[in-house]
Amino acid sequence: ITDQIKWQQCSLTDKNDVTNLLEKNEPDEFYNLAAQSSVFRSYQDPILTLNFNILSVANILESIRKTNTLIKFYQASSGEMFGNVNTFPITENSTLYPVSPYAVSKCTAFWLTVNYRESFGMFCTSGISFNHESFLRNENFIIKKVLNTAFDILAGRKEFLEVGNIDIRRDFGFAPKYVEAMHLMMQHETPDHYILSSGKSVSLKEVIFYIFDNLEINRDKILINNDLFRPNEIMDIYGDASKAKKELNWKYEMSFFEVLDIIIAESLMNHT
């Protein structure tokens, strides 16, 4: 579909640039998936993370308000906003308790979206997505890092996979299905916020072992590096997407190991 896509550059931290983009293109829908989205990097550069993730959303919302309030807006929110919770599964009514600079920035952007919806009657919707993966992920994220390093080990370019805490558990899903839900939200009669999740968590240890076993790599090639542990780590998190399934008729039934099978197969095709 690349021949159907028109690429344009815009600095989302420059409000005039955002306004000019809207006036030039007159969109019906605006999907904001832009962010500094690495939790690990947010500890290394919290100012950049907070500045971009908050200011960009404020600029988009205010530009829509001043340009054309009929433009529908989608904000990509994150399950990281909930932090270390005591009650599972997480729902849209669970308390937000961010435990990283990234999560703080996403909470602020989330509430900005709610505020513009309630204050100005704008169509502002938010998908609270838990981890979602595909072959297109870059190596800043753990699944792609594990896969790429596994192929490097097979090719003799690396000897080990270095990872941090692999006992943490995450709710992983399949990115293409989550994008379907994003579109469904924008076609819904009224804007709201919805959790997008698989409803189950798996440990990074299970994921890494599954990938290594599939590629026939010895598990002793996995090294734990304490320098890669993150401060104030969320040990377990998973959500309940019942609201999205009921109100949007979103369908999601995949286990993450089914998702991994797809990603591994696509990765093999691109490494041979």
C-alpha atoms as a PDB file:
ATOM      1  CA  ILE A   1       0.000   0.000   0.000  1.00  0.00           C
ATOM      2  CA  THR A   2       3.024   2.298  -0.053  1.00  0.00           C
ATOM      3  CA  ASP A   3       1.893   3.857  -3.335  1.00  0.00           C
ATOM      4  CA  GLN A   4      -1.326   4.929  -1.594  1.00  0.00           C
ATOM      5  CA  ILE A   5       0.446   6.694   1.272  1.00  0.00           C
ATOM      6  CA  LYS A   6       1.452  10.333   1.149  1.00  0.00           C
ATOM      7  CA  TRP A   7       4.359  11.004   3.492  1.00  0.00           C
ATOM      8  CA  GLN A   8       4.709  14.395   5.153  1.00  0.00           C
ATOM      9  CA  GLN A   9       6.996  15.731   7.856  1.00  0.00           C
ATOM     10  CA  CYS A  10       5.732  17.631  10.860  1.00  0.00           C
ATOM     11  CA  SER A  11       7.276  18.636  14.179  1.00  0.00           C
ATOM     12  CA  LEU A  12       4.595  17.783  16.720  1.00  0.00           C
ATOM     13  CA  THR A  13       6.303  19.957  19.325  1.00  0.00           C
ATOM     14  CA  ASP A  14       5.743  22.992  17.062  1.00  0.00           C
ATOM     15  CA  LYS A  15       2.095  24.018  17.283  1.00  0.00           C
ATOM     16  CA  ASN A  16       2.243  26.146  14.122  1.00  0.00           C
ATOM     17  CA  ASP A  17       3.640  23.186  12.216  1.00  0.00           C
ATOM     18  CA  VAL A  18       0.782  20.978  13.430  1.00  0.00           C
ATOM     19  CA  THR A  19      -1.825  23.614  12.572  1.00  0.00           C
ATOM     20  CA  ASN A  20      -0.383  24.027   9.079  1.00  0.00           C
ATOM     21  CA  LEU A  21      -0.511  20.254   8.575  1.00  0.00           C
ATOM     22  CA  LEU A  22      -4.209  20.161   9.470  1.00  0.00           C
ATOM     23  CA  GLU A  23      -5.103  23.167   7.338  1.00  0.00           C
ATOM     24  CA  LYS A  24      -3.220  21.764   4.359  1.00  0.00           C
ATOM     25  CA  ASN A  25      -4.670  18.241   4.474  1.00  0.00           C
ATOM     26  CA  GLU A  26      -8.109  18.732   6.073  1.00  0.00           C
ATOM     27  CA  PRO A  27      -8.210  15.211   7.590  1.00  0.00           C
ATOM     28  CA  ASP A  28     -11.336  13.501   8.879  1.00  0.00           C
ATOM     29  CA  GLU A  29      -9.377  11.427  11.396  1.00  0.00           C
ATOM     30  CA  PHE A  30      -6.074  11.918  13.215  1.00  0.00           C
ATOM     31  CA  TYR A  31      -4.356   8.880  14.754  1.00  0.00           C
ATOM     32  CA  ASN A  32      -1.562   9.894  17.099  1.00  0.00           C
ATOM     33  CA  LEU A  33       0.884   7.003  17.507  1.00  0.00           C
ATOM     34  CA  ALA A  34       3.938   9.245  17.934  1.00  0.00           C
ATOM     35  CA  ALA A  35       5.838   9.053  21.226  1.00  0.00           C
ATOM     36  CA  GLN A  36       9.122   8.394  22.931  1.00  0.00           C
ATOM     37  CA  SER A  37       7.821   4.953  23.822  1.00  0.00           C
ATOM     38  CA  SER A  38      10.725   3.228  25.566  1.00  0.00           C
ATOM     39  CA  VAL A  39      10.313   2.876  29.330  1.00  0.00           C
ATOM     40  CA  PHE A  40      14.046   2.186  29.698  1.00  0.00           C
ATOM     41  CA  ARG A  41      14.980   5.325  27.745  1.00  0.00           C
ATOM     42  CA  SER A  42      12.515   7.414  29.752  1.00  0.00           C
ATOM     43  CA  TYR A  43      14.717   6.862  32.811  1.00  0.00           C
ATOM     44  CA  GLN A  44      17.782   7.903  30.819  1.00  0.00           C
ATOM     45  CA  ASP A  45      16.118  11.018  29.374  1.00  0.00           C
ATOM     46  CA  PRO A  46      12.968  11.893  31.334  1.00  0.00           C
ATOM     47  CA  ILE A  47      12.886  15.514  30.149  1.00  0.00           C
ATOM     48  CA  LEU A  48      12.798  14.534  26.472  1.00  0.00           C
ATOM     49  CA  THR A  49      10.142  11.910  27.200  1.00  0.00           C
ATOM     50  CA  LEU A  50       7.891  14.249  29.168  1.00  0.00           C
ATOM     51  CA  ASN A  51       8.382  17.156  26.783  1.00  0.00           C
ATOM     52  CA  PHE A  52       7.581  15.267  23.590  1.00  0.00           C
ATOM     53  CA  ASN A  53       4.863  12.921  24.832  1.00  0.00           C
ATOM     54  CA  ILE A  54       2.871  15.685  26.526  1.00  0.00           C
ATOM     55  CA  LEU A  55       3.508  18.733  24.332  1.00  0.00           C
ATOM     56  CA  SER A  56       2.844  16.842  21.093  1.00  0.00           C
ATOM     57  CA  VAL A  57      -0.623  15.777  22.262  1.00  0.00           C
ATOM     58  CA  ALA A  58      -1.442  19.250  23.579  1.00  0.00           C
ATOM     59  CA  ASN A  59      -0.423  20.768  20.232  1.00  0.00           C
ATOM     60  CA  ILE A  60      -2.530  18.321  18.217  1.00  0.00           C
ATOM     61  CA  LEU A  61      -5.620  18.762  20.379  1.00  0.00           C
ATOM     62  CA  GLU A  62      -5.363  22.535  20.439  1.00  0.00           C
ATOM     63  CA  SER A  63      -4.735  22.685  16.681  1.00  0.00           C
ATOM     64  CA  ILE A  64      -7.823  20.547  16.062  1.00  0.00           C
ATOM     65  CA  ARG A  65      -9.846  22.790  18.378  1.00  0.00           C
ATOM     66  CA  LYS A  66      -8.732  25.923  16.539  1.00  0.00           C
ATOM     67  CA  THR A  67      -8.859  24.457  13.014  1.00  0.00           C
ATOM     68  CA  ASN A  68     -11.817  22.053  12.821  1.00  0.00           C
ATOM     69  CA  THR A  69     -13.455  20.455  15.854  1.00  0.00           C
ATOM     70  CA  LEU A  70     -15.065  17.819  13.613  1.00  0.00           C
ATOM     71  CA  ILE A  71     -11.702  16.092  13.138  1.00  0.00           C
ATOM     72  CA  LYS A  72     -11.745  12.817  15.074  1.00  0.00           C
ATOM     73  CA  PHE A  73      -8.683  12.251  17.278  1.00  0.00           C
ATOM     74  CA  TYR A  74      -7.195   8.946  18.451  1.00  0.00           C
ATOM     75  CA  GLN A  75      -4.597   8.936  21.225  1.00  0.00           C
ATOM     76  CA  ALA A  76      -2.400   5.885  21.735  1.00  0.00           C
ATOM     77  CA  SER A  77      -2.381   5.388  25.500  1.00  0.00           C
ATOM     78  CA  SER A  78      -0.536   2.662  27.378  1.00  0.00           C
ATOM     79  CA  GLY A  79      -1.155  -0.060  29.933  1.00  0.00           C
ATOM     80  CA  GLU A  80       2.015   1.209  31.643  1.00  0.00           C
ATOM     81  CA  MET A  81      -0.131   4.030  33.068  1.00  0.00           C
ATOM     82  CA  PHE A  82      -1.547   1.662  35.697  1.00  0.00           C
ATOM     83  CA  GLY A  83       1.807   0.762  37.246  1.00  0.00           C
ATOM     84  CA  ASN A  84       1.997  -1.858  39.983  1.00  0.00           C
ATOM     85  CA  VAL A  85      -1.624  -2.713  40.711  1.00  0.00           C
ATOM     86  CA  ASN A  86      -2.974  -5.135  43.299  1.00  0.00           C
ATOM     87  CA  THR A  87      -6.194  -6.134  41.547  1.00  0.00           C
ATOM     88  CA  PHE A  88      -6.322  -7.976  38.224  1.00  0.00           C
ATOM     89  CA  PRO A  89      -7.382  -7.859  35.512  1.00  0.00           C
ATOM     90  CA  ILE A  90      -7.005  -4.135  34.872  1.00  0.00           C
ATOM     91  CA  THR A  91     -10.096  -2.371  33.541  1.00  0.00           C
ATOM     92  CA  GLU A  92     -10.868   1.145  32.363  1.00  0.00           C
ATOM     93  CA  ASN A  93     -11.907   1.923  35.955  1.00  0.00           C
ATOM     94  CA  SER A  94      -8.618   0.826  37.540  1.00  0.00           C
ATOM     95  CA  THR A  95      -6.554   3.515  39.265  1.00  0.00           C
ATOM     96  CA  LEU A  96      -3.716   5.074  37.285  1.00  0.00           C
ATOM     97  CA  TYR A  97      -0.460   4.867  39.244  1.00  0.00           C
ATOM     98  CA  PRO A  98       2.467   5.541  36.862  1.00  0.00           C
ATOM     99  CA  VAL A  99       5.878   4.295  38.007  1.00  0.00           C
ATOM    100  CA  SER A 100       8.141   5.564  35.194  1.00  0.00           C
ATOM    101  CA  PRO A 101       8.669   8.896  33.412  1.00  0.00           C
ATOM    102  CA  TYR A 102       7.172   7.295  30.301  1.00  0.00           C
ATOM    103  CA  ALA A 103       4.033   6.261  32.188  1.00  0.00           C
ATOM    104  CA  VAL A 104       3.713   9.726  33.753  1.00  0.00           C
ATOM    105  CA  SER A 105       3.851  11.301  30.296  1.00  0.00           C
ATOM    106  CA  LYS A 106       1.225   8.926  28.920  1.00  0.00           C
ATOM    107  CA  CYS A 107      -1.076   9.596  31.882  1.00  0.00           C
ATOM    108  CA  THR A 108      -0.888  13.323  31.221  1.00  0.00           C
ATOM    109  CA  ALA A 109      -1.570  12.829  27.514  1.00  0.00           C
ATOM    110  CA  PHE A 110      -4.488  10.546  28.382  1.00  0.00           C
ATOM    111  CA  TRP A 111      -6.093  13.133  30.665  1.00  0.00           C
ATOM    112  CA  LEU A 112      -5.538  15.869  28.083  1.00  0.00           C
ATOM    113  CA  THR A 113      -7.518  13.737  25.638  1.00  0.00           C
ATOM    114  CA  VAL A 114     -10.322  13.246  28.161  1.00  0.00           C
ATOM    115  CA  ASN A 115     -10.293  16.960  29.018  1.00  0.00           C
ATOM    116  CA  TYR A 116     -10.685  18.111  25.416  1.00  0.00           C
ATOM    117  CA  ARG A 117     -13.466  15.587  24.876  1.00  0.00           C
ATOM    118  CA  GLU A 118     -15.406  16.724  27.925  1.00  0.00           C
ATOM    119  CA  SER A 119     -14.621  20.453  27.776  1.00  0.00           C
ATOM    120  CA  PHE A 120     -15.055  21.122  24.066  1.00  0.00           C
ATOM    121  CA  GLY A 121     -17.267  18.260  22.887  1.00  0.00           C
ATOM    122  CA  MET A 122     -14.567  17.011  20.525  1.00  0.00           C
ATOM    123  CA  PHE A 123     -14.368  13.422  19.259  1.00  0.00           C
ATOM    124  CA  CYS A 124     -11.301  12.386  21.260  1.00  0.00           C
ATOM    125  CA  THR A 125     -10.868   8.682  21.872  1.00  0.00           C
ATOM    126  CA  SER A 126      -8.075   6.746  23.532  1.00  0.00           C
ATOM    127  CA  GLY A 127      -6.890   3.165  23.155  1.00  0.00           C
ATOM    128  CA  ILE A 128      -5.120   1.957  26.293  1.00  0.00           C
ATOM    129  CA  SER A 129      -2.954  -0.630  24.592  1.00  0.00           C
ATOM    130  CA  PHE A 130      -0.949  -3.200  26.471  1.00  0.00           C
ATOM    131  CA  ASN A 131       2.209  -4.548  24.774  1.00  0.00           C
ATOM    132  CA  HIS A 132       1.504  -5.363  21.138  1.00  0.00           C
ATOM    133  CA  GLU A 133       4.057  -6.919  18.833  1.00  0.00           C
ATOM    134  CA  SER A 134       4.728  -7.615  15.172  1.00  0.00           C
ATOM    135  CA  PHE A 135       7.662  -8.270  12.870  1.00  0.00           C
ATOM    136  CA  LEU A 136       7.914  -4.486  12.323  1.00  0.00           C
ATOM    137  CA  ARG A 137       9.013  -3.758  15.899  1.00  0.00           C
ATOM    138  CA  ASN A 138      12.474  -2.206  16.212  1.00  0.00           C
ATOM    139  CA  GLU A 139      15.235  -3.506  18.452  1.00  0.00           C
ATOM    140  CA  ASN A 140      14.528  -0.985  21.201  1.00  0.00           C
ATOM    141  CA  PHE A 141      11.863  -3.462  22.340  1.00  0.00           C
ATOM    142  CA  ILE A 142      12.542  -6.810  23.940  1.00  0.00           C
ATOM    143  CA  ILE A 143      10.855  -9.234  21.513  1.00  0.00           C
ATOM    144  CA  LYS A 144      12.709  -7.917  18.458  1.00  0.00           C
ATOM    145  CA  LYS A 145      15.939  -7.684  20.450  1.00  0.00           C
ATOM    146  CA  VAL A 146      15.644 -11.350  21.420  1.00  0.00           C
ATOM    147  CA  LEU A 147      14.881 -12.422  17.848  1.00  0.00           C
ATOM    148  CA  ASN A 148      17.665 -10.400  16.234  1.00  0.00           C
ATOM    149  CA  THR A 149      20.191 -11.543  18.815  1.00  0.00           C
ATOM    150  CA  ALA A 150      19.078 -15.153  18.328  1.00  0.00           C
ATOM    151  CA  PHE A 151      19.791 -14.877  14.604  1.00  0.00           C
ATOM    152  CA  ASP A 152      23.154 -13.269  15.372  1.00  0.00           C
ATOM    153  CA  ILE A 153      24.003 -16.206  17.645  1.00  0.00           C
ATOM    154  CA  LEU A 154      23.052 -18.677  14.902  1.00  0.00           C
ATOM    155  CA  ALA A 155      25.236 -16.776  12.425  1.00  0.00           C
ATOM    156  CA  GLY A 156      28.169 -16.612  14.825  1.00  0.00           C
ATOM    157  CA  ARG A 157      28.054 -12.820  15.117  1.00  0.00           C
ATOM    158  CA  LYS A 158      27.221 -12.913  18.832  1.00  0.00           C
ATOM    159  CA  GLU A 159      27.776 -15.435  21.582  1.00  0.00           C
ATOM    160  CA  PHE A 160      25.115 -14.475  24.123  1.00  0.00           C
ATOM    161  CA  LEU A 161      21.806 -12.695  24.641  1.00  0.00           C
ATOM    162  CA  GLU A 162      22.106 -10.173  27.478  1.00  0.00           C
ATOM    163  CA  VAL A 163      18.845  -9.330  29.230  1.00  0.00           C
ATOM    164  CA  GLY A 164      17.630  -7.772  32.463  1.00  0.00           C
ATOM    165  CA  ASN A 165      14.848  -9.113  34.670  1.00  0.00           C
ATOM    166  CA  ILE A 166      13.198 -11.972  32.787  1.00  0.00           C
ATOM    167  CA  ASP A 167      10.795 -12.870  35.602  1.00  0.00           C
ATOM    168  CA  ILE A 168       8.543  -9.890  34.838  1.00  0.00           C
ATOM    169  CA  ARG A 169       5.252 -10.689  33.146  1.00  0.00           C
ATOM    170  CA  ARG A 170       3.504  -8.710  30.424  1.00  0.00           C
ATOM    171  CA  ASP A 171       0.227  -8.832  28.508  1.00  0.00           C
ATOM    172  CA  PHE A 172       1.395  -9.233  24.892  1.00  0.00           C
ATOM    173  CA  GLY A 173      -0.880  -9.001  21.845  1.00  0.00           C
ATOM    174  CA  PHE A 174      -0.708  -8.868  18.046  1.00  0.00           C
ATOM    175  CA  ALA A 175      -0.288  -5.322  16.715  1.00  0.00           C
ATOM    176  CA  PRO A 176      -2.388  -5.680  13.511  1.00  0.00           C
ATOM    177  CA  LYS A 177      -5.424  -6.708  15.571  1.00  0.00           C
ATOM    178  CA  TYR A 178      -4.917  -3.736  17.875  1.00  0.00           C
ATOM    179  CA  VAL A 179      -4.869  -1.407  14.869  1.00  0.00           C
ATOM    180  CA  GLU A 180      -8.245  -2.843  13.848  1.00  0.00           C
ATOM    181  CA  ALA A 181      -9.549  -1.823  17.277  1.00  0.00           C
ATOM    182  CA  MET A 182      -8.170   1.693  16.841  1.00  0.00           C
ATOM    183  CA  HIS A 183     -10.180   2.078  13.643  1.00  0.00           C
ATOM    184  CA  LEU A 184     -13.297   0.654  15.297  1.00  0.00           C
ATOM    185  CA  MET A 185     -13.019   3.282  18.045  1.00  0.00           C
ATOM    186  CA  MET A 186     -12.961   6.068  15.483  1.00  0.00           C
ATOM    187  CA  GLN A 187     -16.081   4.710  13.746  1.00  0.00           C
ATOM    188  CA  HIS A 188     -18.011   4.352  17.009  1.00  0.00           C
ATOM    189  CA  GLU A 189     -20.893   6.747  17.584  1.00  0.00           C
ATOM    190  CA  THR A 190     -19.423   8.263  20.733  1.00  0.00           C
ATOM    191  CA  PRO A 191     -15.776   8.708  21.783  1.00  0.00           C
ATOM    192  CA  ASP A 192     -14.483   6.947  24.880  1.00  0.00           C
ATOM    193  CA  HIS A 193     -11.386   5.124  26.123  1.00  0.00           C
ATOM    194  CA  TYR A 194     -10.902   1.382  25.788  1.00  0.00           C
ATOM    195  CA  ILE A 195      -8.386  -1.153  27.024  1.00  0.00           C
ATOM    196  CA  LEU A 196      -6.786  -3.258  24.286  1.00  0.00           C
ATOM    197  CA  SER A 197      -5.236  -6.392  25.732  1.00  0.00           C
ATOM    198  CA  SER A 198      -5.074 -10.162  25.412  1.00  0.00           C
ATOM    199  CA  GLY A 199      -6.229 -10.700  28.995  1.00  0.00           C
ATOM    200  CA  LYS A 200      -3.268 -12.899  29.959  1.00  0.00           C
ATOM    201  CA  SER A 201       0.325 -12.281  30.979  1.00  0.00           C
ATOM    202  CA  VAL A 202       3.420 -14.312  30.158  1.00  0.00           C
ATOM    203  CA  SER A 203       6.916 -13.954  31.584  1.00  0.00           C
ATOM    204  CA  LEU A 204       9.862 -12.782  29.522  1.00  0.00           C
ATOM    205  CA  LYS A 205      11.558 -16.025  30.524  1.00  0.00           C
ATOM    206  CA  GLU A 206       8.780 -18.027  28.825  1.00  0.00           C
ATOM    207  CA  VAL A 207       9.034 -15.862  25.708  1.00  0.00           C
ATOM    208  CA  ILE A 208      12.818 -16.107  25.437  1.00  0.00           C
ATOM    209  CA  PHE A 209      12.829 -19.864  26.064  1.00  0.00           C
ATOM    210  CA  TYR A 210      10.114 -20.307  23.420  1.00  0.00           C
ATOM    211  CA  ILE A 211      12.114 -18.380  20.802  1.00  0.00           C
ATOM    212  CA  PHE A 212      15.398 -20.116  21.620  1.00  0.00           C
ATOM    213  CA  ASP A 213      13.781 -23.569  21.631  1.00  0.00           C
ATOM    214  CA  ASN A 214      12.125 -22.888  18.258  1.00  0.00           C
ATOM    215  CA  LEU A 215      15.455 -21.831  16.760  1.00  0.00           C
ATOM    216  CA  GLU A 216      17.306 -24.678  18.523  1.00  0.00           C
ATOM    217  CA  ILE A 217      19.599 -22.402  20.525  1.00  0.00           C
ATOM    218  CA  ASN A 218      20.872 -23.565  23.915  1.00  0.00           C
ATOM    219  CA  ARG A 219      19.363 -21.704  26.835  1.00  0.00           C
ATOM    220  CA  ASP A 220      22.836 -21.269  28.348  1.00  0.00           C
ATOM    221  CA  LYS A 221      23.323 -18.530  25.748  1.00  0.00           C
ATOM    222  CA  ILE A 222      21.107 -16.289  27.909  1.00  0.00           C
ATOM    223  CA  LEU A 223      22.997 -13.978  30.283  1.00  0.00           C
ATOM    224  CA  ILE A 224      21.359 -11.873  33.000  1.00  0.00           C
ATOM    225  CA  ASN A 225      22.849  -8.356  33.147  1.00  0.00           C
ATOM    226  CA  ASN A 226      21.926  -6.441  36.304  1.00  0.00           C
ATOM    227  CA  ASP A 227      22.687  -3.153  34.530  1.00  0.00           C
ATOM    228  CA  LEU A 228      19.645  -3.799  32.336  1.00  0.00           C
ATOM    229  CA  PHE A 229      17.234  -3.992  35.275  1.00  0.00           C
ATOM    230  CA  ARG A 230      14.823  -1.036  35.323  1.00  0.00           C
ATOM    231  CA  PRO A 231      14.072   0.976  38.486  1.00  0.00           C
ATOM    232  CA  ASN A 232      10.665   0.421  40.083  1.00  0.00           C
ATOM    233  CA  GLU A 233       9.832  -2.419  37.690  1.00  0.00           C
ATOM    234  CA  ILE A 234       6.259  -3.568  37.119  1.00  0.00           C
ATOM    235  CA  MET A 235       6.357  -7.288  37.883  1.00  0.00           C
ATOM    236  CA  ASP A 236       3.007  -8.338  36.403  1.00  0.00           C
ATOM    237  CA  ILE A 237       0.295  -6.634  34.388  1.00  0.00           C
ATOM    238  CA  TYR A 238      -2.638  -7.733  32.260  1.00  0.00           C
ATOM    239  CA  GLY A 239      -5.854  -6.134  31.145  1.00  0.00           C
ATOM    240  CA  ASP A 240      -9.510  -6.862  30.475  1.00  0.00           C
ATOM    241  CA  ALA A 241     -10.694  -5.827  27.001  1.00  0.00           C
ATOM    242  CA  SER A 242     -14.345  -6.755  27.623  1.00  0.00           C
ATOM    243  CA  LYS A 243     -15.545  -3.196  27.032  1.00  0.00           C
ATOM    244  CA  ALA A 244     -13.905  -3.008  23.590  1.00  0.00           C
ATOM    245  CA  LYS A 245     -15.236  -6.442  22.675  1.00  0.00           C
ATOM    246  CA  LYS A 246     -18.766  -5.586  23.774  1.00  0.00           C
ATOM    247  CA  GLU A 247     -19.124  -1.997  22.535  1.00  0.00           C
ATOM    248  CA  LEU A 248     -16.889  -2.122  19.442  1.00  0.00           C
ATOM    249  CA  ASN A 249     -17.406  -5.790  18.549  1.00  0.00           C
ATOM    250  CA  TRP A 250     -13.631  -6.195  18.597  1.00  0.00           C
ATOM    251  CA  LYS A 251     -12.540  -9.799  18.357  1.00  0.00           C
ATOM    252  CA  TYR A 252      -9.293 -11.011  19.885  1.00  0.00           C
ATOM    253  CA  GLU A 253      -8.609 -14.632  20.815  1.00  0.00           C
ATOM    254  CA  MET A 254      -4.887 -15.159  20.049  1.00  0.00           C
ATOM    255  CA  SER A 255      -2.420 -16.493  22.581  1.00  0.00           C
ATOM    256  CA  PHE A 256       0.956 -14.781  22.541  1.00  0.00           C
ATOM    257  CA  PHE A 257       2.654 -17.996  21.496  1.00  0.00           C
ATOM    258  CA  GLU A 258       0.511 -17.940  18.339  1.00  0.00           C
ATOM    259  CA  VAL A 259       1.717 -14.381  17.794  1.00  0.00           C
ATOM    260  CA  LEU A 260       5.311 -15.482  18.346  1.00  0.00           C
ATOM    261  CA  ASP A 261       4.913 -18.228  15.738  1.00  0.00           C
ATOM    262  CA  ILE A 262       3.891 -15.583  13.182  1.00  0.00           C
ATOM    263  CA  ILE A 263       6.729 -13.221  14.109  1.00  0.00           C
ATOM    264  CA  ILE A 264       9.338 -16.001  14.109  1.00  0.00           C
ATOM    265  CA  ALA A 265       8.165 -17.210  10.672  1.00  0.00           C
ATOM    266  CA  GLU A 266       8.299 -13.679   9.228  1.00  0.00           C
ATOM    267  CA  SER A 267      11.715 -13.131  10.793  1.00  0.00           C
ATOM    268  CA  LEU A 268      13.043 -16.372   9.295  1.00  0.00           C
ATOM    269  CA  MET A 269      11.860 -15.308   5.837  1.00  0.00           C
ATOM    270  CA  ASN A 270      13.734 -12.037   6.188  1.00  0.00           C
ATOM    271  CA  HIS A 271      16.936 -13.610   7.515  1.00  0.00           C
ATOM    272  CA  THR A 272      17.337 -16.233   4.793  1.00  0.00           C
END
